[in-house]
PDB file of all heavy atoms in Angstrom:
ATOM      1  N   GLU A   1      27.336   1.635  16.069  1.00  0.00           N
ATOM      2  CA  GLU A   1      28.391   2.647  16.165  1.00  0.00           C
ATOM      3  C   GLU A   1      29.164   2.776  14.867  1.00  0.00           C
ATOM      4  O   GLU A   1      29.528   3.878  14.444  1.00  0.00           O
ATOM      5  CB  GLU A   1      29.348   2.297  17.307  1.00  0.00           C
ATOM      6  CG  GLU A   1      28.763   2.486  18.702  1.00  0.00           C
ATOM      7  CD  GLU A   1      28.381   3.923  18.992  1.00  0.00           C
ATOM      8  OE1 GLU A   1      28.965   4.849  18.374  1.00  0.00           O
ATOM      9  OE2 GLU A   1      27.478   4.129  19.823  1.00  0.00           O
ATOM     10  N   SER A   2      29.425   1.642  14.204  1.00  0.00           N
ATOM     11  CA  SER A   2      30.165   1.695  12.945  1.00  0.00           C
ATOM     12  C   SER A   2      29.346   2.400  11.864  1.00  0.00           C
ATOM     13  O   SER A   2      29.894   3.144  11.041  1.00  0.00           O
ATOM     14  CB  SER A   2      30.552   0.284  12.491  1.00  0.00           C
ATOM     15  OG  SER A   2      29.418  -0.476  12.110  1.00  0.00           O
ATOM     16  N   TRP A   3      28.037   2.184  11.860  1.00  0.00           N
ATOM     17  CA  TRP A   3      27.181   2.857  10.882  1.00  0.00           C
ATOM     18  C   TRP A   3      27.145   4.362  11.137  1.00  0.00           C
ATOM     19  O   TRP A   3      27.272   5.162  10.201  1.00  0.00           O
ATOM     20  CB  TRP A   3      25.755   2.305  10.976  1.00  0.00           C
ATOM     21  CG  TRP A   3      25.603   0.910  10.457  1.00  0.00           C
ATOM     22  CD1 TRP A   3      26.573   0.108   9.917  1.00  0.00           C
ATOM     23  CD2 TRP A   3      24.392   0.142  10.434  1.00  0.00           C
ATOM     24  NE1 TRP A   3      26.049  -1.108   9.564  1.00  0.00           N
ATOM     25  CE2 TRP A   3      24.718  -1.121   9.868  1.00  0.00           C
ATOM     26  CE3 TRP A   3      23.083   0.391  10.838  1.00  0.00           C
ATOM     27  CZ2 TRP A   3      23.748  -2.121   9.699  1.00  0.00           C
ATOM     28  CZ3 TRP A   3      22.128  -0.607  10.679  1.00  0.00           C
ATOM     29  CH2 TRP A   3      22.462  -1.843  10.105  1.00  0.00           C
ATOM     30  N   ILE A   4      26.961   4.725  12.395  1.00  0.00           N
ATOM     31  CA  ILE A   4      26.870   6.148  12.746  1.00  0.00           C
ATOM     32  C   ILE A   4      28.183   6.861  12.445  1.00  0.00           C
ATOM     33  O   ILE A   4      28.204   7.960  11.873  1.00  0.00           O
ATOM     34  CB  ILE A   4      26.492   6.298  14.231  1.00  0.00           C
ATOM     35  CG1 ILE A   4      25.055   5.798  14.457  1.00  0.00           C
ATOM     36  CG2 ILE A   4      26.637   7.742  14.695  1.00  0.00           C
ATOM     37  CD1 ILE A   4      24.661   5.678  15.914  1.00  0.00           C
ATOM     38  N   GLU A   5      29.277   6.240  12.802  1.00  0.00           N
ATOM     39  CA  GLU A   5      30.587   6.842  12.543  1.00  0.00           C
ATOM     40  C   GLU A   5      30.802   7.037  11.042  1.00  0.00           C
ATOM     41  O   GLU A   5      31.297   8.083  10.609  1.00  0.00           O
ATOM     42  CB  GLU A   5      31.692   5.954  13.122  1.00  0.00           C
ATOM     43  CG  GLU A   5      33.092   6.525  12.929  1.00  0.00           C
ATOM     44  CD  GLU A   5      34.167   5.623  13.518  1.00  0.00           C
ATOM     45  OE1 GLU A   5      33.820   4.554  14.069  1.00  0.00           O
ATOM     46  OE2 GLU A   5      35.356   5.994  13.434  1.00  0.00           O
ATOM     47  N   TRP A   6      30.435   6.043  10.253  1.00  0.00           N
ATOM     48  CA  TRP A   6      30.616   6.167   8.799  1.00  0.00           C
ATOM     49  C   TRP A   6      29.782   7.324   8.254  1.00  0.00           C
ATOM     50  O   TRP A   6      30.260   8.123   7.440  1.00  0.00           O
ATOM     51  CB  TRP A   6      30.212   4.873   8.105  1.00  0.00           C
ATOM     52  CG  TRP A   6      30.481   4.919   6.618  1.00  0.00           C
ATOM     53  CD1 TRP A   6      31.603   4.516   5.976  1.00  0.00           C
ATOM     54  CD2 TRP A   6      29.594   5.438   5.616  1.00  0.00           C
ATOM     55  NE1 TRP A   6      31.483   4.746   4.623  1.00  0.00           N
ATOM     56  CE2 TRP A   6      30.257   5.313   4.380  1.00  0.00           C
ATOM     57  CE3 TRP A   6      28.309   5.997   5.643  1.00  0.00           C
ATOM     58  CZ2 TRP A   6      29.691   5.721   3.170  1.00  0.00           C
ATOM     59  CZ3 TRP A   6      27.734   6.416   4.449  1.00  0.00           C
ATOM     60  CH2 TRP A   6      28.416   6.276   3.237  1.00  0.00           C
ATOM     61  N   ALA A   7      28.517   7.409   8.667  1.00  0.00           N
ATOM     62  CA  ALA A   7      27.623   8.458   8.160  1.00  0.00           C
ATOM     63  C   ALA A   7      28.133   9.847   8.516  1.00  0.00           C
ATOM     64  O   ALA A   7      28.062  10.781   7.701  1.00  0.00           O
ATOM     65  CB  ALA A   7      26.213   8.254   8.720  1.00  0.00           C
ATOM     66  N   GLU A   8      28.666   9.969   9.727  1.00  0.00           N
ATOM     67  CA  GLU A   8      29.202  11.275  10.146  1.00  0.00           C
ATOM     68  C   GLU A   8      30.446  11.649   9.348  1.00  0.00           C
ATOM     69  O   GLU A   8      30.593  12.799   8.907  1.00  0.00           O
ATOM     70  CB  GLU A   8      29.507  11.250  11.642  1.00  0.00           C
ATOM     71  CG  GLU A   8      28.251  11.185  12.512  1.00  0.00           C
ATOM     72  CD  GLU A   8      28.572  11.026  13.987  1.00  0.00           C
ATOM     73  OE1 GLU A   8      29.688  10.556  14.322  1.00  0.00           O
ATOM     74  OE2 GLU A   8      27.704  11.376  14.822  1.00  0.00           O
ATOM     75  N   LEU A   9      31.349  10.695   9.145  1.00  0.00           N
ATOM     76  CA  LEU A   9      32.579  10.979   8.400  1.00  0.00           C
ATOM     77  C   LEU A   9      32.305  11.242   6.922  1.00  0.00           C
ATOM     78  O   LEU A   9      32.959  12.068   6.290  1.00  0.00           O
ATOM     79  CB  LEU A   9      33.562   9.822   8.555  1.00  0.00           C
ATOM     80  CG  LEU A   9      34.184   9.632   9.943  1.00  0.00           C
ATOM     81  CD1 LEU A   9      35.031   8.372   9.997  1.00  0.00           C
ATOM     82  CD2 LEU A   9      35.019  10.857  10.321  1.00  0.00           C
ATOM     83  N   ALA A  10      31.320  10.512   6.367  1.00  0.00           N
ATOM     84  CA  ALA A  10      30.990  10.676   4.948  1.00  0.00           C
ATOM     85  C   ALA A  10      30.212  11.963   4.690  1.00  0.00           C
ATOM     86  O   ALA A  10      30.114  12.406   3.537  1.00  0.00           O
ATOM     87  CB  ALA A  10      30.187   9.482   4.460  1.00  0.00           C
ATOM     88  N   LYS A  11      29.642  12.539   5.750  1.00  0.00           N
ATOM     89  CA  LYS A  11      28.887  13.787   5.656  1.00  0.00           C
ATOM     90  C   LYS A  11      27.691  13.689   4.706  1.00  0.00           C
ATOM     91  O   LYS A  11      27.343  14.645   4.004  1.00  0.00           O
ATOM     92  CB  LYS A  11      29.804  14.953   5.229  1.00  0.00           C
ATOM     93  CG  LYS A  11      30.954  15.215   6.193  1.00  0.00           C
ATOM     94  CD  LYS A  11      31.737  16.448   5.805  1.00  0.00           C
ATOM     95  CE  LYS A  11      32.945  16.649   6.711  1.00  0.00           C
ATOM     96  NZ  LYS A  11      32.563  16.763   8.141  1.00  0.00           N
ATOM     97  N   VAL A  12      27.067  12.509   4.659  1.00  0.00           N
ATOM     98  CA  VAL A  12      25.865  12.366   3.842  1.00  0.00           C
ATOM     99  C   VAL A  12      24.719  13.133   4.488  1.00  0.00           C
ATOM    100  O   VAL A  12      24.758  13.467   5.680  1.00  0.00           O
ATOM    101  CB  VAL A  12      25.489  10.881   3.667  1.00  0.00           C
ATOM    102  CG1 VAL A  12      26.591  10.131   2.941  1.00  0.00           C
ATOM    103  CG2 VAL A  12      25.192  10.228   5.020  1.00  0.00           C
ATOM    104  N   ASP A  13      23.698  13.425   3.701  1.00  0.00           N
ATOM    105  CA  ASP A  13      22.536  14.137   4.212  1.00  0.00           C
ATOM    106  C   ASP A  13      21.723  13.205   5.115  1.00  0.00           C
ATOM    107  O   ASP A  13      21.394  12.085   4.724  1.00  0.00           O
ATOM    108  CB  ASP A  13      21.670  14.623   3.044  1.00  0.00           C
ATOM    109  CG  ASP A  13      20.420  15.329   3.515  1.00  0.00           C
ATOM    110  OD1 ASP A  13      20.545  16.309   4.269  1.00  0.00           O
ATOM    111  OD2 ASP A  13      19.313  14.886   3.140  1.00  0.00           O
ATOM    112  N   ILE A  14      21.397  13.668   6.318  1.00  0.00           N
ATOM    113  CA  ILE A  14      20.662  12.853   7.288  1.00  0.00           C
ATOM    114  C   ILE A  14      19.258  13.410   7.465  1.00  0.00           C
ATOM    115  O   ILE A  14      19.082  14.590   7.766  1.00  0.00           O
ATOM    116  CB  ILE A  14      21.363  12.834   8.670  1.00  0.00           C
ATOM    117  CG1 ILE A  14      22.836  12.445   8.530  1.00  0.00           C
ATOM    118  CG2 ILE A  14      20.620  11.895   9.615  1.00  0.00           C
ATOM    119  CD1 ILE A  14      23.064  11.045   8.052  1.00  0.00           C
ATOM    120  N   ALA A  15      18.272  12.554   7.268  1.00  0.00           N
ATOM    121  CA  ALA A  15      16.886  12.920   7.568  1.00  0.00           C
ATOM    122  C   ALA A  15      16.455  12.057   8.750  1.00  0.00           C
ATOM    123  O   ALA A  15      16.282  10.850   8.622  1.00  0.00           O
ATOM    124  CB  ALA A  15      15.992  12.674   6.359  1.00  0.00           C
ATOM    125  N   GLY A  16      16.319  12.674   9.890  1.00  0.00           N
ATOM    126  CA  GLY A  16      16.020  11.930  11.107  1.00  0.00           C
ATOM    127  C   GLY A  16      17.138  12.098  12.107  1.00  0.00           C
ATOM    128  O   GLY A  16      17.823  13.117  12.144  1.00  0.00           O
ATOM    129  N   ASP A  17      17.356  11.092  12.916  1.00  0.00           N
ATOM    130  CA  ASP A  17      18.345  11.138  13.991  1.00  0.00           C
ATOM    131  C   ASP A  17      19.201   9.879  13.920  1.00  0.00           C
ATOM    132  O   ASP A  17      18.674   8.764  13.918  1.00  0.00           O
ATOM    133  CB  ASP A  17      17.620  11.213  15.340  1.00  0.00           C
ATOM    134  CG  ASP A  17      18.552  11.549  16.494  1.00  0.00           C
ATOM    135  OD1 ASP A  17      19.754  11.223  16.401  1.00  0.00           O
ATOM    136  OD2 ASP A  17      18.069  12.106  17.497  1.00  0.00           O
ATOM    137  N   LEU A  18      20.512  10.038  13.874  1.00  0.00           N
ATOM    138  CA  LEU A  18      21.396   8.875  13.823  1.00  0.00           C
ATOM    139  C   LEU A  18      21.252   7.988  15.053  1.00  0.00           C
ATOM    140  O   LEU A  18      21.533   6.777  14.994  1.00  0.00           O
ATOM    141  CB  LEU A  18      22.852   9.319  13.658  1.00  0.00           C
ATOM    142  CG  LEU A  18      23.239   9.871  12.282  1.00  0.00           C
ATOM    143  CD1 LEU A  18      24.691  10.344  12.281  1.00  0.00           C
ATOM    144  CD2 LEU A  18      23.029   8.822  11.196  1.00  0.00           C
ATOM    145  N   ASP A  19      20.818   8.556  16.166  1.00  0.00           N
ATOM    146  CA  ASP A  19      20.599   7.738  17.365  1.00  0.00           C
ATOM    147  C   ASP A  19      19.490   6.707  17.161  1.00  0.00           C
ATOM    148  O   ASP A  19      19.403   5.724  17.903  1.00  0.00           O
ATOM    149  CB  ASP A  19      20.262   8.624  18.564  1.00  0.00           C
ATOM    150  CG  ASP A  19      21.508   9.252  19.177  1.00  0.00           C
ATOM    151  OD1 ASP A  19      22.615   8.734  18.929  1.00  0.00           O
ATOM    152  OD2 ASP A  19      21.373  10.257  19.889  1.00  0.00           O
ATOM    153  N   ASP A  20      18.641   6.908  16.148  1.00  0.00           N
ATOM    154  CA  ASP A  20      17.596   5.918  15.843  1.00  0.00           C
ATOM    155  C   ASP A  20      18.208   4.586  15.410  1.00  0.00           C
ATOM    156  O   ASP A  20      17.524   3.554  15.441  1.00  0.00           O
ATOM    157  CB  ASP A  20      16.687   6.429  14.727  1.00  0.00           C
ATOM    158  CG  ASP A  20      15.841   7.613  15.159  1.00  0.00           C
ATOM    159  OD1 ASP A  20      15.685   7.810  16.382  1.00  0.00           O
ATOM    160  OD2 ASP A  20      15.340   8.341  14.285  1.00  0.00           O
ATOM    161  N   LEU A  21      19.469   4.613  15.004  1.00  0.00           N
ATOM    162  CA  LEU A  21      20.140   3.386  14.563  1.00  0.00           C
ATOM    163  C   LEU A  21      20.676   2.565  15.729  1.00  0.00           C
ATOM    164  O   LEU A  21      21.138   1.442  15.526  1.00  0.00           O
ATOM    165  CB  LEU A  21      21.291   3.735  13.614  1.00  0.00           C
ATOM    166  CG  LEU A  21      20.894   4.468  12.324  1.00  0.00           C
ATOM    167  CD1 LEU A  21      22.131   4.793  11.496  1.00  0.00           C
ATOM    168  CD2 LEU A  21      19.907   3.629  11.505  1.00  0.00           C
ATOM    169  N   ARG A  22      20.605   3.108  16.925  1.00  0.00           N
ATOM    170  CA  ARG A  22      21.068   2.359  18.097  1.00  0.00           C
ATOM    171  C   ARG A  22      19.946   1.434  18.590  1.00  0.00           C
ATOM    172  O   ARG A  22      18.820   1.891  18.805  1.00  0.00           O
ATOM    173  CB  ARG A  22      21.471   3.310  19.227  1.00  0.00           C
ATOM    174  CG  ARG A  22      22.563   4.311  18.840  1.00  0.00           C
ATOM    175  CD  ARG A  22      22.934   5.178  20.032  1.00  0.00           C
ATOM    176  NE  ARG A  22      23.744   6.317  19.634  1.00  0.00           N
ATOM    177  CZ  ARG A  22      25.058   6.276  19.435  1.00  0.00           C
ATOM    178  NH1 ARG A  22      25.705   5.131  19.620  1.00  0.00           N
ATOM    179  NH2 ARG A  22      25.726   7.357  19.074  1.00  0.00           N
ATOM    180  N   PRO A  23      20.230   0.155  18.787  1.00  0.00           N
ATOM    181  CA  PRO A  23      19.197  -0.764  19.279  1.00  0.00           C
ATOM    182  C   PRO A  23      18.696  -0.359  20.657  1.00  0.00           C
ATOM    183  O   PRO A  23      19.464   0.127  21.492  1.00  0.00           O
ATOM    184  CB  PRO A  23      19.926  -2.112  19.337  1.00  0.00           C
ATOM    185  CG  PRO A  23      21.073  -1.974  18.395  1.00  0.00           C
ATOM    186  CD  PRO A  23      21.497  -0.537  18.485  1.00  0.00           C
ATOM    187  N   GLN A  24      17.426  -0.556  20.874  1.00  0.00           N
ATOM    188  CA  GLN A  24      16.827  -0.269  22.173  1.00  0.00           C
ATOM    189  C   GLN A  24      16.925  -1.517  23.048  1.00  0.00           C
ATOM    190  O   GLN A  24      16.258  -2.518  22.798  1.00  0.00           O
ATOM    191  CB  GLN A  24      15.363   0.152  22.011  1.00  0.00           C
ATOM    192  CG  GLN A  24      15.173   1.481  21.324  1.00  0.00           C
ATOM    193  CD  GLN A  24      13.706   1.867  21.241  1.00  0.00           C
ATOM    194  OE1 GLN A  24      12.869   1.112  20.752  1.00  0.00           O
ATOM    195  NE2 GLN A  24      13.373   3.052  21.718  1.00  0.00           N
ATOM    196  N   ARG A  25      17.754  -1.443  24.064  1.00  0.00           N
ATOM    197  CA  ARG A  25      17.908  -2.589  24.969  1.00  0.00           C
ATOM    198  C   ARG A  25      16.660  -2.736  25.828  1.00  0.00           C
ATOM    199  O   ARG A  25      16.070  -1.744  26.259  1.00  0.00           O
ATOM    200  CB  ARG A  25      19.121  -2.408  25.873  1.00  0.00           C
ATOM    201  CG  ARG A  25      20.462  -2.573  25.161  1.00  0.00           C
ATOM    202  CD  ARG A  25      21.615  -2.323  26.107  1.00  0.00           C
ATOM    203  NE  ARG A  25      22.903  -2.511  25.464  1.00  0.00           N
ATOM    204  CZ  ARG A  25      23.664  -3.598  25.605  1.00  0.00           C
ATOM    205  NH1 ARG A  25      23.243  -4.594  26.373  1.00  0.00           N
ATOM    206  NH2 ARG A  25      24.828  -3.683  24.994  1.00  0.00           N
ATOM    207  N   PRO A  26      16.261  -3.976  26.092  1.00  0.00           N
ATOM    208  CA  PRO A  26      15.095  -4.190  26.960  1.00  0.00           C
ATOM    209  C   PRO A  26      15.437  -3.823  28.406  1.00  0.00           C
ATOM    210  O   PRO A  26      16.612  -3.792  28.790  1.00  0.00           O
ATOM    211  CB  PRO A  26      14.821  -5.682  26.808  1.00  0.00           C
ATOM    212  CG  PRO A  26      16.151  -6.274  26.446  1.00  0.00           C
ATOM    213  CD  PRO A  26      16.849  -5.237  25.616  1.00  0.00           C
ATOM    214  N   ASP A  27      14.409  -3.552  29.177  1.00  0.00           N
ATOM    215  CA  ASP A  27      14.628  -3.273  30.590  1.00  0.00           C
ATOM    216  C   ASP A  27      15.245  -4.491  31.265  1.00  0.00           C
ATOM    217  O   ASP A  27      14.966  -5.640  30.899  1.00  0.00           O
ATOM    218  CB  ASP A  27      13.301  -2.925  31.271  1.00  0.00           C
ATOM    219  CG  ASP A  27      12.731  -1.613  30.751  1.00  0.00           C
ATOM    220  OD1 ASP A  27      13.518  -0.786  30.252  1.00  0.00           O
ATOM    221  OD2 ASP A  27      11.497  -1.442  30.814  1.00  0.00           O
ATOM    222  N   ALA A  28      16.088  -4.234  32.250  1.00  0.00           N
ATOM    223  CA  ALA A  28      16.813  -5.317  32.925  1.00  0.00           C
ATOM    224  C   ALA A  28      15.879  -6.315  33.601  1.00  0.00           C
ATOM    225  O   ALA A  28      16.221  -7.502  33.734  1.00  0.00           O
ATOM    226  CB  ALA A  28      17.778  -4.724  33.953  1.00  0.00           C
ATOM    227  N   ASP A  29      14.693  -5.862  34.019  1.00  0.00           N
ATOM    228  CA  ASP A  29      13.777  -6.764  34.727  1.00  0.00           C
ATOM    229  C   ASP A  29      12.826  -7.504  33.786  1.00  0.00           C
ATOM    230  O   ASP A  29      11.952  -8.247  34.230  1.00  0.00           O
ATOM    231  CB  ASP A  29      12.972  -5.991  35.769  1.00  0.00           C
ATOM    232  CG  ASP A  29      12.175  -4.849  35.151  1.00  0.00           C
ATOM    233  OD1 ASP A  29      12.428  -4.504  33.979  1.00  0.00           O
ATOM    234  OD2 ASP A  29      11.293  -4.290  35.833  1.00  0.00           O
ATOM    235  N   VAL A  30      13.004  -7.309  32.476  1.00  0.00           N
ATOM    236  CA  VAL A  30      12.149  -8.005  31.504  1.00  0.00           C
ATOM    237  C   VAL A  30      12.846  -9.294  31.070  1.00  0.00           C
ATOM    238  O   VAL A  30      13.963  -9.278  30.567  1.00  0.00           O
ATOM    239  CB  VAL A  30      11.880  -7.114  30.272  1.00  0.00           C
ATOM    240  CG1 VAL A  30      11.098  -7.895  29.217  1.00  0.00           C
ATOM    241  CG2 VAL A  30      11.127  -5.855  30.688  1.00  0.00           C
ATOM    242  N   GLU A  31      12.170 -10.401  31.275  1.00  0.00           N
ATOM    243  CA  GLU A  31      12.751 -11.693  30.919  1.00  0.00           C
ATOM    244  C   GLU A  31      12.702 -11.899  29.414  1.00  0.00           C
ATOM    245  O   GLU A  31      11.662 -11.698  28.779  1.00  0.00           O
ATOM    246  CB  GLU A  31      11.992 -12.822  31.621  1.00  0.00           C
ATOM    247  CG  GLU A  31      12.566 -14.209  31.338  1.00  0.00           C
ATOM    248  CD  GLU A  31      11.766 -15.309  32.008  1.00  0.00           C
ATOM    249  OE1 GLU A  31      10.768 -14.970  32.688  1.00  0.00           O
ATOM    250  OE2 GLU A  31      12.121 -16.493  31.842  1.00  0.00           O
ATOM    251  N   TRP A  32      13.828 -12.313  28.834  1.00  0.00           N
ATOM    252  CA  TRP A  32      13.862 -12.573  27.391  1.00  0.00           C
ATOM    253  C   TRP A  32      13.179 -13.904  27.085  1.00  0.00           C
ATOM    254  O   TRP A  32      13.359 -14.882  27.808  1.00  0.00           O
ATOM    255  CB  TRP A  32      15.312 -12.608  26.900  1.00  0.00           C
ATOM    256  CG  TRP A  32      15.427 -12.930  25.432  1.00  0.00           C
ATOM    257  CD1 TRP A  32      15.047 -12.134  24.388  1.00  0.00           C
ATOM    258  CD2 TRP A  32      15.961 -14.126  24.849  1.00  0.00           C
ATOM    259  NE1 TRP A  32      15.304 -12.757  23.200  1.00  0.00           N
ATOM    260  CE2 TRP A  32      15.861 -13.984  23.439  1.00  0.00           C
ATOM    261  CE3 TRP A  32      16.496 -15.307  25.386  1.00  0.00           C
ATOM    262  CZ2 TRP A  32      16.293 -14.964  22.558  1.00  0.00           C
ATOM    263  CZ3 TRP A  32      16.930 -16.291  24.510  1.00  0.00           C
ATOM    264  CH2 TRP A  32      16.822 -16.122  23.119  1.00  0.00           C
ATOM    265  N   ILE A  33      12.402 -13.929  26.016  1.00  0.00           N
ATOM    266  CA  ILE A  33      11.687 -15.133  25.602  1.00  0.00           C
ATOM    267  C   ILE A  33      12.350 -15.696  24.353  1.00  0.00           C
ATOM    268  O   ILE A  33      12.456 -15.009  23.334  1.00  0.00           O
ATOM    269  CB  ILE A  33      10.203 -14.815  25.329  1.00  0.00           C
ATOM    270  CG1 ILE A  33       9.540 -14.213  26.570  1.00  0.00           C
ATOM    271  CG2 ILE A  33       9.454 -16.048  24.868  1.00  0.00           C
ATOM    272  CD1 ILE A  33       8.108 -13.777  26.347  1.00  0.00           C
ATOM    273  N   ASP A  34      12.794 -16.929  24.424  1.00  0.00           N
ATOM    274  CA  ASP A  34      13.493 -17.568  23.311  1.00  0.00           C
ATOM    275  C   ASP A  34      12.533 -17.786  22.133  1.00  0.00           C
ATOM    276  O   ASP A  34      11.541 -18.517  22.271  1.00  0.00           O
ATOM    277  CB  ASP A  34      14.067 -18.907  23.776  1.00  0.00           C
ATOM    278  CG  ASP A  34      14.924 -19.576  22.713  1.00  0.00           C
ATOM    279  OD1 ASP A  34      14.971 -19.076  21.570  1.00  0.00           O
ATOM    280  OD2 ASP A  34      15.550 -20.613  23.036  1.00  0.00           O
ATOM    281  N   PRO A  35      12.798 -17.182  20.961  1.00  0.00           N
ATOM    282  CA  PRO A  35      11.899 -17.347  19.809  1.00  0.00           C
ATOM    283  C   PRO A  35      11.815 -18.789  19.303  1.00  0.00           C
ATOM    284  O   PRO A  35      10.843 -19.154  18.640  1.00  0.00           O
ATOM    285  CB  PRO A  35      12.527 -16.446  18.739  1.00  0.00           C
ATOM    286  CG  PRO A  35      13.385 -15.486  19.491  1.00  0.00           C
ATOM    287  CD  PRO A  35      13.890 -16.239  20.677  1.00  0.00           C
ATOM    288  N   ASP A  36      12.825 -19.602  19.610  1.00  0.00           N
ATOM    289  CA  ASP A  36      12.857 -20.972  19.114  1.00  0.00           C
ATOM    290  C   ASP A  36      12.200 -21.978  20.059  1.00  0.00           C
ATOM    291  O   ASP A  36      12.188 -23.182  19.765  1.00  0.00           O
ATOM    292  CB  ASP A  36      14.308 -21.401  18.864  1.00  0.00           C
ATOM    293  CG  ASP A  36      14.973 -20.558  17.808  1.00  0.00           C
ATOM    294  OD1 ASP A  36      14.296 -20.171  16.839  1.00  0.00           O
ATOM    295  OD2 ASP A  36      16.186 -20.269  17.951  1.00  0.00           O
ATOM    296  N   ALA A  37      11.662 -21.515  21.187  1.00  0.00           N
ATOM    297  CA  ALA A  37      11.088 -22.447  22.163  1.00  0.00           C
ATOM    298  C   ALA A  37       9.719 -21.972  22.656  1.00  0.00           C
ATOM    299  O   ALA A  37       9.527 -21.711  23.850  1.00  0.00           O
ATOM    300  CB  ALA A  37      12.049 -22.615  23.341  1.00  0.00           C
TER     301      ALA A  37
END
């Protein structure tokens, strides 16, 4: 959100979609796997 807000206020040229900067949350029924174990 902070990145998107800054880009919008700064009015820089955007190629693509600012929504691409939002992380894609996993589905609620998908179990997370610990990378360290």
